[in-house]
Amino acid sequence: MNAPVEPAALATPVAVRRLSGMLPPEGGEAGIRAILDAGAQHVFIGEDALLDGALVEKLVAEYGSGRIGVYVPARRMQASWSMDIDSNADFRVMTPSVCEPCWEILRADGSGSGTHAAWWIGEMFGLGASGALIRVDIEDDADLNILAGLTERWGDRLWLAPLNEANPDLEAWVGLGRASRLAVPDAIYQNSPYLKALRSAPETGKSNEGIG
């Protein structure tokens, strides 16, 4: 259990607001277009964008970048090892599949896709997506380092949300992972001591952090 955070201890008071975005059900381009045509201001597209590399670019061209984001459920990518039997006749070299901790994107059924999350987010931003909603459970310092690297690159274009964790350490997400936008279920929003302290802190008008 995290200790309550005093409002005076918060380095960056924030304004609390709702996340204005929808997660359309997986099912193809037609369903996403129907939601946008019905007036959705912003959608975060998940596996449909993962399976169709041109989908984001097409939707951005038609509806505008500001309405299109990507949904990225993720977990730590597991490293596998392989033996290089040709590198030297006198010894064998074991090489890992990933050289540093990273996240992989999950499919809609929860299985790993093998797609490097940071690489894919960068590709989607390059095609015009305006933001990404990342759902991941931060389990250790390696995850915090991954998060810090992502937020250093893309800042408030990223929304961070827990995947399965019911009591995430949001203070560490912000303080160590440098997350600037949080999206949490109502139960966490109401019960998190950290978020309660944020809501009671005075607003300065200078914050770039949001909570949805």
N, C-alpha and C. Protein backbone atom coordinates (compact mmCIF):
# COMPACT_ATOMS: atom_id res chain seq x y z
N MET A 1 0.84 -1.19 0.00
CA MET A 1 0.00 0.00 0.00
C MET A 1 0.87 1.24 0.00
N ASN A 2 0.65 2.15 -0.91
CA ASN A 2 1.43 3.37 -0.95
C ASN A 2 0.96 4.33 0.12
N ALA A 3 1.91 5.04 0.74
CA ALA A 3 1.55 6.05 1.72
C ALA A 3 0.86 7.22 1.03
N PRO A 4 -0.10 7.87 1.72
CA PRO A 4 -0.75 9.04 1.12
C PRO A 4 0.27 10.11 0.76
N VAL A 5 0.00 10.81 -0.32
CA VAL A 5 0.88 11.88 -0.77
C VAL A 5 0.27 13.21 -0.37
N GLU A 6 1.02 14.02 0.33
CA GLU A 6 0.53 15.34 0.71
C GLU A 6 0.52 16.25 -0.52
N PRO A 7 -0.53 17.07 -0.69
CA PRO A 7 -0.57 17.97 -1.85
C PRO A 7 0.66 18.84 -1.96
N ALA A 8 1.21 19.28 -0.84
CA ALA A 8 2.37 20.16 -0.90
C ALA A 8 3.60 19.46 -1.43
N ALA A 9 3.60 18.09 -1.39
CA ALA A 9 4.76 17.34 -1.84
C ALA A 9 4.75 17.09 -3.34
N LEU A 10 3.67 17.44 -4.01
CA LEU A 10 3.56 17.18 -5.44
C LEU A 10 4.35 18.23 -6.21
N ALA A 11 5.28 17.75 -7.04
CA ALA A 11 6.13 18.68 -7.77
C ALA A 11 5.36 19.41 -8.86
N THR A 12 4.34 18.73 -9.45
CA THR A 12 3.60 19.32 -10.57
C THR A 12 2.11 19.14 -10.36
N PRO A 13 1.40 20.11 -9.71
CA PRO A 13 -0.04 20.02 -9.59
C PRO A 13 -0.68 19.89 -10.97
N VAL A 14 -1.80 19.18 -11.04
CA VAL A 14 -2.38 18.87 -12.35
C VAL A 14 -3.86 19.16 -12.36
N ALA A 15 -4.39 19.26 -13.54
CA ALA A 15 -5.83 19.36 -13.74
C ALA A 15 -6.36 17.98 -14.09
N VAL A 16 -7.41 17.54 -13.40
CA VAL A 16 -7.99 16.22 -13.63
C VAL A 16 -9.09 16.34 -14.67
N ARG A 17 -9.06 15.50 -15.69
CA ARG A 17 -10.08 15.56 -16.73
C ARG A 17 -10.30 14.17 -17.30
N ARG A 18 -11.41 14.02 -18.02
CA ARG A 18 -11.75 12.75 -18.64
C ARG A 18 -10.94 12.53 -19.91
N LEU A 19 -10.65 11.26 -20.18
CA LEU A 19 -10.00 10.90 -21.44
C LEU A 19 -11.07 10.85 -22.52
N SER A 20 -10.97 11.73 -23.50
CA SER A 20 -11.98 11.81 -24.55
C SER A 20 -11.56 10.94 -25.73
N GLY A 21 -11.78 9.65 -25.59
CA GLY A 21 -11.44 8.73 -26.66
C GLY A 21 -12.19 7.43 -26.50
N MET A 22 -12.37 6.72 -27.61
CA MET A 22 -13.09 5.45 -27.60
C MET A 22 -12.19 4.34 -28.09
N LEU A 23 -12.45 3.15 -27.56
CA LEU A 23 -11.80 1.94 -28.06
C LEU A 23 -12.82 1.19 -28.89
N PRO A 24 -12.78 1.32 -30.22
CA PRO A 24 -13.76 0.61 -31.04
C PRO A 24 -13.55 -0.89 -30.94
N PRO A 25 -14.62 -1.68 -30.99
CA PRO A 25 -14.45 -3.14 -30.96
C PRO A 25 -13.65 -3.61 -32.16
N GLU A 26 -12.81 -4.63 -31.92
CA GLU A 26 -12.04 -5.18 -33.04
C GLU A 26 -13.00 -5.78 -34.05
N GLY A 27 -12.77 -5.53 -35.30
CA GLY A 27 -13.68 -6.07 -36.29
C GLY A 27 -13.52 -5.45 -37.66
N GLY A 28 -12.47 -4.67 -37.82
CA GLY A 28 -12.19 -4.18 -39.15
C GLY A 28 -12.47 -2.71 -39.35
N GLU A 29 -12.08 -2.26 -40.51
CA GLU A 29 -12.14 -0.84 -40.86
C GLU A 29 -13.56 -0.31 -40.87
N ALA A 30 -14.52 -1.11 -41.33
CA ALA A 30 -15.89 -0.63 -41.45
C ALA A 30 -16.46 -0.21 -40.10
N GLY A 31 -16.18 -1.01 -39.06
CA GLY A 31 -16.69 -0.68 -37.74
C GLY A 31 -16.08 0.60 -37.19
N ILE A 32 -14.79 0.79 -37.44
CA ILE A 32 -14.12 2.01 -36.98
C ILE A 32 -14.69 3.22 -37.70
N ARG A 33 -14.89 3.10 -39.00
CA ARG A 33 -15.46 4.21 -39.76
C ARG A 33 -16.87 4.55 -39.28
N ALA A 34 -17.64 3.53 -38.93
CA ALA A 34 -19.00 3.77 -38.46
C ALA A 34 -18.99 4.59 -37.17
N ILE A 35 -18.05 4.28 -36.28
CA ILE A 35 -17.95 5.03 -35.02
C ILE A 35 -17.52 6.47 -35.28
N LEU A 36 -16.57 6.66 -36.17
CA LEU A 36 -16.13 8.01 -36.50
C LEU A 36 -17.23 8.80 -37.20
N ASP A 37 -17.95 8.15 -38.11
CA ASP A 37 -19.04 8.82 -38.82
C ASP A 37 -20.18 9.18 -37.87
N ALA A 38 -20.30 8.41 -36.78
CA ALA A 38 -21.35 8.69 -35.79
C ALA A 38 -20.98 9.86 -34.88
N GLY A 39 -19.75 10.35 -35.01
CA GLY A 39 -19.37 11.55 -34.27
C GLY A 39 -18.33 11.38 -33.20
N ALA A 40 -17.73 10.18 -33.07
CA ALA A 40 -16.68 10.00 -32.06
C ALA A 40 -15.56 11.00 -32.32
N GLN A 41 -15.16 11.72 -31.28
CA GLN A 41 -14.12 12.73 -31.46
C GLN A 41 -12.74 12.11 -31.63
N HIS A 42 -12.53 10.96 -31.00
CA HIS A 42 -11.20 10.35 -31.04
C HIS A 42 -11.34 8.85 -30.81
N VAL A 43 -10.61 8.06 -31.58
CA VAL A 43 -10.61 6.61 -31.39
C VAL A 43 -9.18 6.13 -31.24
N PHE A 44 -9.01 5.10 -30.41
CA PHE A 44 -7.72 4.43 -30.26
C PHE A 44 -7.87 3.04 -30.88
N ILE A 45 -7.18 2.81 -31.99
CA ILE A 45 -7.35 1.59 -32.77
C ILE A 45 -6.30 0.57 -32.35
N GLY A 46 -6.75 -0.66 -32.09
CA GLY A 46 -5.85 -1.69 -31.59
C GLY A 46 -5.40 -2.68 -32.64
N GLU A 47 -5.84 -3.92 -32.50
CA GLU A 47 -5.33 -5.00 -33.35
C GLU A 47 -5.62 -4.76 -34.82
N ASP A 48 -6.71 -4.08 -35.14
CA ASP A 48 -6.99 -3.79 -36.55
C ASP A 48 -5.83 -3.03 -37.19
N ALA A 49 -5.25 -2.08 -36.44
CA ALA A 49 -4.11 -1.33 -36.98
C ALA A 49 -2.85 -2.18 -37.00
N LEU A 50 -2.74 -3.11 -36.05
CA LEU A 50 -1.58 -4.00 -36.02
C LEU A 50 -1.58 -4.93 -37.23
N LEU A 51 -2.76 -5.37 -37.64
CA LEU A 51 -2.88 -6.31 -38.75
C LEU A 51 -2.86 -5.63 -40.11
N ASP A 52 -3.28 -4.38 -40.16
CA ASP A 52 -3.35 -3.64 -41.42
C ASP A 52 -2.48 -2.40 -41.30
N GLY A 53 -1.27 -2.47 -41.82
CA GLY A 53 -0.31 -1.39 -41.67
C GLY A 53 -0.72 -0.09 -42.34
N ALA A 54 -1.68 -0.15 -43.27
CA ALA A 54 -2.11 1.06 -43.98
C ALA A 54 -3.35 1.70 -43.37
N LEU A 55 -3.95 1.05 -42.37
CA LEU A 55 -5.24 1.51 -41.85
C LEU A 55 -5.14 2.90 -41.23
N VAL A 56 -4.17 3.11 -40.37
CA VAL A 56 -4.04 4.41 -39.70
C VAL A 56 -3.85 5.53 -40.72
N GLU A 57 -3.00 5.31 -41.69
CA GLU A 57 -2.73 6.34 -42.70
C GLU A 57 -4.00 6.69 -43.47
N LYS A 58 -4.80 5.68 -43.82
CA LYS A 58 -6.03 5.93 -44.56
C LYS A 58 -7.02 6.73 -43.72
N LEU A 59 -7.18 6.35 -42.46
CA LEU A 59 -8.14 7.04 -41.60
C LEU A 59 -7.70 8.46 -41.29
N VAL A 60 -6.40 8.66 -41.11
CA VAL A 60 -5.89 10.01 -40.88
C VAL A 60 -6.17 10.90 -42.08
N ALA A 61 -5.98 10.36 -43.29
CA ALA A 61 -6.23 11.15 -44.50
C ALA A 61 -7.69 11.57 -44.61
N GLU A 62 -8.59 10.70 -44.14
CA GLU A 62 -10.02 10.98 -44.29
C GLU A 62 -10.60 11.77 -43.12
N TYR A 63 -10.16 11.45 -41.89
CA TYR A 63 -10.79 12.05 -40.71
C TYR A 63 -9.90 13.04 -39.97
N GLY A 64 -8.63 13.09 -40.30
CA GLY A 64 -7.72 14.00 -39.62
C GLY A 64 -6.94 13.33 -38.52
N SER A 65 -5.72 13.76 -38.34
CA SER A 65 -4.83 13.14 -37.35
C SER A 65 -5.36 13.24 -35.94
N GLY A 66 -6.01 14.36 -35.62
CA GLY A 66 -6.47 14.58 -34.26
C GLY A 66 -7.51 13.61 -33.77
N ARG A 67 -8.15 12.88 -34.68
CA ARG A 67 -9.20 11.92 -34.28
C ARG A 67 -8.69 10.49 -34.23
N ILE A 68 -7.46 10.26 -34.63
CA ILE A 68 -6.96 8.89 -34.75
C ILE A 68 -5.78 8.66 -33.80
N GLY A 69 -5.92 7.66 -32.94
CA GLY A 69 -4.83 7.22 -32.09
C GLY A 69 -4.73 5.70 -32.15
N VAL A 70 -3.77 5.15 -31.45
CA VAL A 70 -3.60 3.70 -31.43
C VAL A 70 -3.68 3.19 -29.99
N TYR A 71 -4.22 2.00 -29.86
CA TYR A 71 -4.37 1.32 -28.57
C TYR A 71 -3.32 0.23 -28.49
N VAL A 72 -2.51 0.25 -27.41
CA VAL A 72 -1.35 -0.62 -27.32
C VAL A 72 -1.35 -1.38 -25.99
N PRO A 73 -2.06 -2.53 -25.91
CA PRO A 73 -1.89 -3.39 -24.74
C PRO A 73 -0.53 -4.07 -24.83
N ALA A 74 0.20 -4.11 -23.73
CA ALA A 74 1.60 -4.57 -23.83
C ALA A 74 2.04 -5.31 -22.57
N ARG A 75 3.13 -6.04 -22.72
CA ARG A 75 3.80 -6.70 -21.59
C ARG A 75 5.28 -6.82 -21.96
N ARG A 76 6.08 -7.21 -20.97
CA ARG A 76 7.51 -7.37 -21.22
C ARG A 76 7.74 -8.47 -22.26
N MET A 77 8.55 -8.17 -23.24
CA MET A 77 8.90 -9.17 -24.24
C MET A 77 9.91 -10.14 -23.65
N GLN A 78 9.62 -11.42 -23.77
CA GLN A 78 10.50 -12.45 -23.24
C GLN A 78 11.66 -12.69 -24.19
N ALA A 79 12.84 -12.79 -23.62
CA ALA A 79 14.03 -13.06 -24.43
C ALA A 79 14.23 -14.56 -24.61
N SER A 80 14.53 -14.96 -25.81
CA SER A 80 14.91 -16.35 -26.09
C SER A 80 16.37 -16.35 -26.53
N TRP A 81 17.00 -17.52 -26.43
CA TRP A 81 18.42 -17.62 -26.75
C TRP A 81 18.64 -18.62 -27.87
N SER A 82 19.55 -18.29 -28.76
CA SER A 82 19.89 -19.20 -29.85
C SER A 82 21.40 -19.34 -29.94
N MET A 83 21.85 -20.48 -30.45
CA MET A 83 23.28 -20.74 -30.55
C MET A 83 23.76 -20.50 -31.98
N ASP A 84 24.78 -19.67 -32.09
CA ASP A 84 25.41 -19.41 -33.38
C ASP A 84 26.53 -20.43 -33.56
N ILE A 85 26.31 -21.40 -34.44
CA ILE A 85 27.28 -22.48 -34.60
C ILE A 85 28.30 -22.19 -35.70
N ASP A 86 28.12 -21.06 -36.41
CA ASP A 86 29.02 -20.75 -37.52
C ASP A 86 30.02 -19.64 -37.21
N SER A 87 29.89 -18.98 -36.06
CA SER A 87 30.72 -17.81 -35.81
C SER A 87 32.19 -18.16 -35.59
N ASN A 88 32.45 -19.31 -34.99
CA ASN A 88 33.83 -19.68 -34.70
C ASN A 88 33.90 -21.20 -34.56
N ALA A 89 34.89 -21.78 -35.15
CA ALA A 89 35.01 -23.24 -35.11
C ALA A 89 35.37 -23.76 -33.73
N ASP A 90 35.94 -22.89 -32.88
CA ASP A 90 36.44 -23.35 -31.59
C ASP A 90 35.46 -23.18 -30.44
N PHE A 91 34.45 -22.32 -30.60
CA PHE A 91 33.49 -22.14 -29.52
C PHE A 91 32.14 -21.74 -30.10
N ARG A 92 31.12 -21.81 -29.27
CA ARG A 92 29.76 -21.48 -29.68
C ARG A 92 29.32 -20.21 -28.97
N VAL A 93 28.54 -19.39 -29.65
CA VAL A 93 28.06 -18.13 -29.10
C VAL A 93 26.55 -18.19 -28.92
N MET A 94 26.08 -17.84 -27.72
CA MET A 94 24.65 -17.75 -27.46
C MET A 94 24.23 -16.29 -27.60
N THR A 95 23.19 -16.03 -28.38
CA THR A 95 22.72 -14.66 -28.59
C THR A 95 21.25 -14.56 -28.19
N PRO A 96 20.87 -13.46 -27.50
CA PRO A 96 19.47 -13.27 -27.10
C PRO A 96 18.65 -12.69 -28.24
N SER A 97 17.34 -12.94 -28.20
CA SER A 97 16.45 -12.40 -29.23
C SER A 97 16.24 -10.90 -29.06
N VAL A 98 16.34 -10.41 -27.82
CA VAL A 98 16.27 -8.96 -27.57
C VAL A 98 17.45 -8.58 -26.69
N CYS A 99 18.06 -7.45 -26.99
CA CYS A 99 19.29 -7.06 -26.29
C CYS A 99 19.04 -6.23 -25.05
N GLU A 100 17.85 -5.67 -24.90
CA GLU A 100 17.51 -4.88 -23.73
C GLU A 100 16.03 -5.04 -23.45
N PRO A 101 15.59 -4.79 -22.21
CA PRO A 101 14.17 -4.95 -21.89
C PRO A 101 13.30 -4.08 -22.78
N CYS A 102 12.19 -4.64 -23.23
CA CYS A 102 11.26 -3.89 -24.07
C CYS A 102 9.87 -4.48 -23.91
N TRP A 103 8.87 -3.79 -24.40
CA TRP A 103 7.50 -4.29 -24.36
C TRP A 103 7.09 -4.79 -25.74
N GLU A 104 6.28 -5.84 -25.73
CA GLU A 104 5.67 -6.30 -26.97
C GLU A 104 4.18 -6.04 -26.91
N ILE A 105 3.58 -5.83 -28.08
CA ILE A 105 2.15 -5.59 -28.17
C ILE A 105 1.41 -6.91 -28.05
N LEU A 106 0.29 -6.89 -27.32
CA LEU A 106 -0.55 -8.07 -27.18
C LEU A 106 -1.67 -8.06 -28.21
N ARG A 107 -2.01 -9.25 -28.68
CA ARG A 107 -3.17 -9.38 -29.55
C ARG A 107 -4.45 -9.24 -28.73
N ALA A 108 -5.58 -9.17 -29.42
CA ALA A 108 -6.86 -9.00 -28.74
C ALA A 108 -7.16 -10.15 -27.79
N ASP A 109 -6.63 -11.35 -28.07
CA ASP A 109 -6.88 -12.50 -27.20
C ASP A 109 -5.88 -12.58 -26.04
N GLY A 110 -5.00 -11.60 -25.92
CA GLY A 110 -4.04 -11.57 -24.82
C GLY A 110 -2.72 -12.24 -25.11
N SER A 111 -2.58 -12.86 -26.26
CA SER A 111 -1.32 -13.51 -26.60
C SER A 111 -0.33 -12.49 -27.15
N GLY A 112 0.96 -12.83 -27.06
CA GLY A 112 1.98 -11.93 -27.55
C GLY A 112 2.05 -11.91 -29.06
N SER A 113 2.25 -10.73 -29.61
CA SER A 113 2.35 -10.59 -31.07
C SER A 113 3.78 -10.66 -31.56
N GLY A 114 4.75 -10.46 -30.65
CA GLY A 114 6.14 -10.38 -31.06
C GLY A 114 6.53 -9.03 -31.65
N THR A 115 5.59 -8.09 -31.67
CA THR A 115 5.86 -6.76 -32.23
C THR A 115 6.38 -5.83 -31.13
N HIS A 116 7.51 -5.22 -31.38
CA HIS A 116 8.15 -4.30 -30.43
C HIS A 116 7.27 -3.05 -30.31
N ALA A 117 6.75 -2.78 -29.10
CA ALA A 117 5.78 -1.70 -28.92
C ALA A 117 6.35 -0.34 -29.28
N ALA A 118 7.57 -0.03 -28.82
CA ALA A 118 8.14 1.29 -29.09
C ALA A 118 8.33 1.51 -30.59
N TRP A 119 8.81 0.49 -31.28
CA TRP A 119 8.99 0.61 -32.73
C TRP A 119 7.65 0.87 -33.42
N TRP A 120 6.62 0.10 -33.04
CA TRP A 120 5.33 0.20 -33.71
C TRP A 120 4.67 1.55 -33.44
N ILE A 121 4.75 2.03 -32.21
CA ILE A 121 4.19 3.34 -31.90
C ILE A 121 4.85 4.41 -32.76
N GLY A 122 6.16 4.35 -32.89
CA GLY A 122 6.86 5.31 -33.73
C GLY A 122 6.40 5.25 -35.18
N GLU A 123 6.18 4.03 -35.68
CA GLU A 123 5.70 3.88 -37.05
C GLU A 123 4.31 4.49 -37.21
N MET A 124 3.42 4.25 -36.24
CA MET A 124 2.06 4.78 -36.33
C MET A 124 2.05 6.30 -36.21
N PHE A 125 2.90 6.85 -35.37
CA PHE A 125 3.01 8.31 -35.30
C PHE A 125 3.52 8.86 -36.63
N GLY A 126 4.42 8.14 -37.26
CA GLY A 126 4.91 8.56 -38.56
C GLY A 126 3.84 8.56 -39.63
N LEU A 127 2.81 7.72 -39.45
CA LEU A 127 1.70 7.66 -40.40
C LEU A 127 0.59 8.64 -40.05
N GLY A 128 0.75 9.36 -38.94
CA GLY A 128 -0.21 10.41 -38.63
C GLY A 128 -1.02 10.24 -37.37
N ALA A 129 -0.91 9.10 -36.67
CA ALA A 129 -1.64 8.94 -35.42
C ALA A 129 -1.21 10.02 -34.44
N SER A 130 -2.19 10.58 -33.72
CA SER A 130 -1.88 11.71 -32.84
C SER A 130 -1.48 11.29 -31.44
N GLY A 131 -1.84 10.08 -31.03
CA GLY A 131 -1.53 9.64 -29.68
C GLY A 131 -1.63 8.14 -29.55
N ALA A 132 -1.22 7.64 -28.38
CA ALA A 132 -1.29 6.20 -28.11
C ALA A 132 -1.75 5.99 -26.68
N LEU A 133 -2.66 5.05 -26.50
CA LEU A 133 -3.09 4.61 -25.18
C LEU A 133 -2.41 3.27 -24.90
N ILE A 134 -1.45 3.29 -23.99
CA ILE A 134 -0.69 2.09 -23.65
C ILE A 134 -1.23 1.50 -22.36
N ARG A 135 -1.64 0.23 -22.41
CA ARG A 135 -2.07 -0.48 -21.20
C ARG A 135 -1.01 -1.52 -20.86
N VAL A 136 -0.40 -1.36 -19.70
CA VAL A 136 0.69 -2.24 -19.30
C VAL A 136 0.78 -2.26 -17.79
N ASP A 137 1.22 -3.35 -17.22
CA ASP A 137 1.47 -3.44 -15.79
C ASP A 137 2.95 -3.21 -15.53
N ILE A 138 3.26 -2.20 -14.74
CA ILE A 138 4.64 -1.87 -14.41
C ILE A 138 5.06 -2.72 -13.22
N GLU A 139 5.95 -3.68 -13.45
CA GLU A 139 6.28 -4.66 -12.42
C GLU A 139 7.61 -4.43 -11.74
N ASP A 140 8.54 -3.72 -12.38
CA ASP A 140 9.86 -3.57 -11.77
C ASP A 140 10.56 -2.36 -12.38
N ASP A 141 11.82 -2.17 -11.97
CA ASP A 141 12.58 -1.01 -12.45
C ASP A 141 12.80 -1.05 -13.96
N ALA A 142 12.91 -2.26 -14.52
CA ALA A 142 13.10 -2.35 -15.97
C ALA A 142 11.90 -1.77 -16.71
N ASP A 143 10.69 -2.07 -16.21
CA ASP A 143 9.49 -1.50 -16.84
C ASP A 143 9.47 0.02 -16.69
N LEU A 144 9.87 0.51 -15.53
CA LEU A 144 9.92 1.97 -15.33
C LEU A 144 10.91 2.61 -16.29
N ASN A 145 12.02 1.94 -16.53
CA ASN A 145 13.01 2.47 -17.48
C ASN A 145 12.46 2.49 -18.90
N ILE A 146 11.72 1.43 -19.27
CA ILE A 146 11.08 1.41 -20.59
C ILE A 146 10.12 2.58 -20.71
N LEU A 147 9.29 2.76 -19.68
CA LEU A 147 8.32 3.84 -19.69
C LEU A 147 9.01 5.20 -19.79
N ALA A 148 10.07 5.39 -19.02
CA ALA A 148 10.79 6.67 -19.06
C ALA A 148 11.35 6.94 -20.45
N GLY A 149 11.84 5.89 -21.12
CA GLY A 149 12.35 6.07 -22.47
C GLY A 149 11.26 6.47 -23.45
N LEU A 150 10.08 5.87 -23.31
CA LEU A 150 8.98 6.22 -24.20
C LEU A 150 8.50 7.65 -23.96
N THR A 151 8.37 8.03 -22.69
CA THR A 151 7.88 9.38 -22.41
C THR A 151 8.92 10.44 -22.78
N GLU A 152 10.19 10.08 -22.73
CA GLU A 152 11.21 11.03 -23.18
C GLU A 152 11.06 11.31 -24.67
N ARG A 153 10.67 10.28 -25.43
CA ARG A 153 10.52 10.45 -26.88
C ARG A 153 9.22 11.15 -27.26
N TRP A 154 8.12 10.79 -26.57
CA TRP A 154 6.82 11.23 -27.07
C TRP A 154 5.97 12.00 -26.06
N GLY A 155 6.41 12.11 -24.83
CA GLY A 155 5.76 12.99 -23.86
C GLY A 155 4.26 12.78 -23.74
N ASP A 156 3.50 13.88 -23.87
CA ASP A 156 2.07 13.80 -23.61
C ASP A 156 1.26 13.28 -24.80
N ARG A 157 1.93 12.72 -25.78
CA ARG A 157 1.19 11.98 -26.82
C ARG A 157 0.82 10.58 -26.32
N LEU A 158 1.35 10.19 -25.16
CA LEU A 158 1.10 8.87 -24.60
C LEU A 158 0.17 8.97 -23.40
N TRP A 159 -0.87 8.13 -23.40
CA TRP A 159 -1.70 7.88 -22.23
C TRP A 159 -1.28 6.53 -21.66
N LEU A 160 -1.12 6.45 -20.34
CA LEU A 160 -0.72 5.20 -19.69
C LEU A 160 -1.84 4.69 -18.81
N ALA A 161 -2.13 3.39 -18.93
CA ALA A 161 -3.19 2.76 -18.15
C ALA A 161 -2.72 1.39 -17.70
N PRO A 162 -3.19 0.92 -16.53
CA PRO A 162 -2.84 -0.44 -16.10
C PRO A 162 -3.54 -1.47 -16.99
N LEU A 163 -2.89 -2.62 -17.15
CA LEU A 163 -3.48 -3.70 -17.93
C LEU A 163 -4.39 -4.56 -17.06
N ASN A 164 -3.82 -5.15 -16.00
CA ASN A 164 -4.59 -5.99 -15.08
C ASN A 164 -4.44 -5.57 -13.62
N GLU A 165 -3.41 -4.81 -13.32
CA GLU A 165 -3.09 -4.44 -11.94
C GLU A 165 -4.20 -3.58 -11.33
N ALA A 166 -4.71 -4.01 -10.16
CA ALA A 166 -5.79 -3.28 -9.51
C ALA A 166 -5.29 -2.13 -8.64
N ASN A 167 -4.01 -2.17 -8.26
CA ASN A 167 -3.46 -1.13 -7.38
C ASN A 167 -2.09 -0.70 -7.90
N PRO A 168 -2.03 -0.10 -9.07
CA PRO A 168 -0.73 0.28 -9.63
C PRO A 168 -0.09 1.40 -8.83
N ASP A 169 1.23 1.42 -8.83
CA ASP A 169 1.99 2.46 -8.14
C ASP A 169 2.10 3.68 -9.06
N LEU A 170 1.03 4.45 -9.11
CA LEU A 170 0.98 5.57 -10.05
C LEU A 170 2.00 6.65 -9.71
N GLU A 171 2.34 6.76 -8.44
CA GLU A 171 3.35 7.74 -8.06
C GLU A 171 4.69 7.41 -8.73
N ALA A 172 5.03 6.12 -8.79
CA ALA A 172 6.27 5.70 -9.47
C ALA A 172 6.15 5.91 -10.98
N TRP A 173 4.97 5.66 -11.53
CA TRP A 173 4.77 5.89 -12.96
C TRP A 173 5.12 7.33 -13.33
N VAL A 174 4.67 8.26 -12.49
CA VAL A 174 4.88 9.68 -12.78
C VAL A 174 6.28 10.12 -12.36
N GLY A 175 6.68 9.76 -11.14
CA GLY A 175 7.95 10.25 -10.61
C GLY A 175 9.17 9.62 -11.25
N LEU A 176 9.10 8.32 -11.51
CA LEU A 176 10.25 7.60 -12.07
C LEU A 176 10.09 7.30 -13.56
N GLY A 177 8.88 6.94 -13.96
CA GLY A 177 8.63 6.65 -15.38
C GLY A 177 8.33 7.88 -16.20
N ARG A 178 8.12 9.01 -15.52
CA ARG A 178 7.88 10.30 -16.18
C ARG A 178 6.59 10.33 -16.99
N ALA A 179 5.64 9.45 -16.65
CA ALA A 179 4.35 9.48 -17.34
C ALA A 179 3.70 10.83 -17.13
N SER A 180 3.13 11.40 -18.17
CA SER A 180 2.50 12.71 -18.06
C SER A 180 0.99 12.65 -18.23
N ARG A 181 0.46 11.49 -18.68
CA ARG A 181 -0.98 11.34 -18.80
C ARG A 181 -1.36 9.94 -18.33
N LEU A 182 -2.32 9.88 -17.42
CA LEU A 182 -2.77 8.61 -16.86
C LEU A 182 -4.23 8.39 -17.22
N ALA A 183 -4.58 7.16 -17.57
CA ALA A 183 -5.97 6.77 -17.83
C ALA A 183 -6.26 5.57 -16.94
N VAL A 184 -7.19 5.74 -15.99
CA VAL A 184 -7.42 4.68 -15.01
C VAL A 184 -8.92 4.41 -14.88
N PRO A 185 -9.29 3.17 -14.50
CA PRO A 185 -10.69 2.87 -14.23
C PRO A 185 -11.20 3.69 -13.04
N ASP A 186 -12.52 3.81 -12.94
CA ASP A 186 -13.11 4.63 -11.88
C ASP A 186 -12.70 4.16 -10.49
N ALA A 187 -12.58 2.84 -10.29
CA ALA A 187 -12.23 2.34 -8.96
C ALA A 187 -10.86 2.84 -8.52
N ILE A 188 -9.89 2.81 -9.43
CA ILE A 188 -8.55 3.32 -9.11
C ILE A 188 -8.60 4.84 -8.96
N TYR A 189 -9.35 5.49 -9.82
CA TYR A 189 -9.46 6.95 -9.76
C TYR A 189 -9.99 7.40 -8.40
N GLN A 190 -10.97 6.69 -7.87
CA GLN A 190 -11.58 7.08 -6.61
C GLN A 190 -10.75 6.69 -5.40
N ASN A 191 -10.00 5.59 -5.48
CA ASN A 191 -9.37 5.02 -4.29
C ASN A 191 -7.87 5.23 -4.19
N SER A 192 -7.21 5.63 -5.24
CA SER A 192 -5.76 5.80 -5.20
C SER A 192 -5.38 7.00 -4.33
N PRO A 193 -4.58 6.79 -3.26
CA PRO A 193 -4.14 7.93 -2.44
C PRO A 193 -3.39 8.97 -3.27
N TYR A 194 -2.62 8.52 -4.23
CA TYR A 194 -1.86 9.46 -5.07
C TYR A 194 -2.79 10.35 -5.88
N LEU A 195 -3.82 9.75 -6.49
CA LEU A 195 -4.73 10.55 -7.29
C LEU A 195 -5.59 11.46 -6.43
N LYS A 196 -5.95 11.00 -5.23
CA LYS A 196 -6.68 11.87 -4.31
C LYS A 196 -5.86 13.10 -3.99
N ALA A 197 -4.56 12.91 -3.77
CA ALA A 197 -3.69 14.05 -3.47
C ALA A 197 -3.58 14.98 -4.67
N LEU A 198 -3.53 14.41 -5.87
CA LEU A 198 -3.48 15.24 -7.07
C LEU A 198 -4.74 16.09 -7.21
N ARG A 199 -5.89 15.47 -6.92
CA ARG A 199 -7.14 16.21 -7.08
C ARG A 199 -7.26 17.34 -6.07
N SER A 200 -6.63 17.19 -4.91
CA SER A 200 -6.74 18.23 -3.89
C SER A 200 -5.64 19.27 -3.98
N ALA A 201 -4.66 19.04 -4.86
CA ALA A 201 -3.56 20.00 -5.00
C ALA A 201 -4.04 21.22 -5.78
N PRO A 202 -3.51 22.40 -5.47
CA PRO A 202 -3.90 23.61 -6.22
C PRO A 202 -3.40 23.53 -7.65
N GLU A 203 -4.19 24.02 -8.59
CA GLU A 203 -3.80 24.03 -9.99
C GLU A 203 -2.96 25.26 -10.30
N THR A 204 -1.92 25.06 -11.09
CA THR A 204 -1.04 26.16 -11.45
C THR A 204 -1.25 26.65 -12.87
N GLY A 205 -1.94 25.84 -13.68
CA GLY A 205 -2.11 26.19 -15.08
C GLY A 205 -0.91 25.88 -15.94
N LYS A 206 0.13 25.27 -15.35
CA LYS A 206 1.36 25.00 -16.10
C LYS A 206 1.58 23.52 -16.35
N SER A 207 0.67 22.69 -15.88
CA SER A 207 0.91 21.25 -15.95
C SER A 207 0.64 20.70 -17.33
N ASN A 208 1.39 19.66 -17.70
CA ASN A 208 1.12 18.94 -18.93
C ASN A 208 0.65 17.53 -18.62
N GLU A 209 0.20 17.30 -17.39
CA GLU A 209 -0.22 15.97 -16.99
C GLU A 209 -1.73 15.89 -16.98
N GLY A 210 -2.28 14.77 -17.42
CA GLY A 210 -3.72 14.58 -17.40
C GLY A 210 -4.07 13.24 -16.81
N ILE A 211 -5.26 13.15 -16.28
CA ILE A 211 -5.78 11.90 -15.74
C ILE A 211 -7.15 11.70 -16.32
N GLY A 212 -7.38 10.52 -16.92
CA GLY A 212 -8.69 10.28 -17.50
C GLY A 212 -9.32 9.05 -16.92
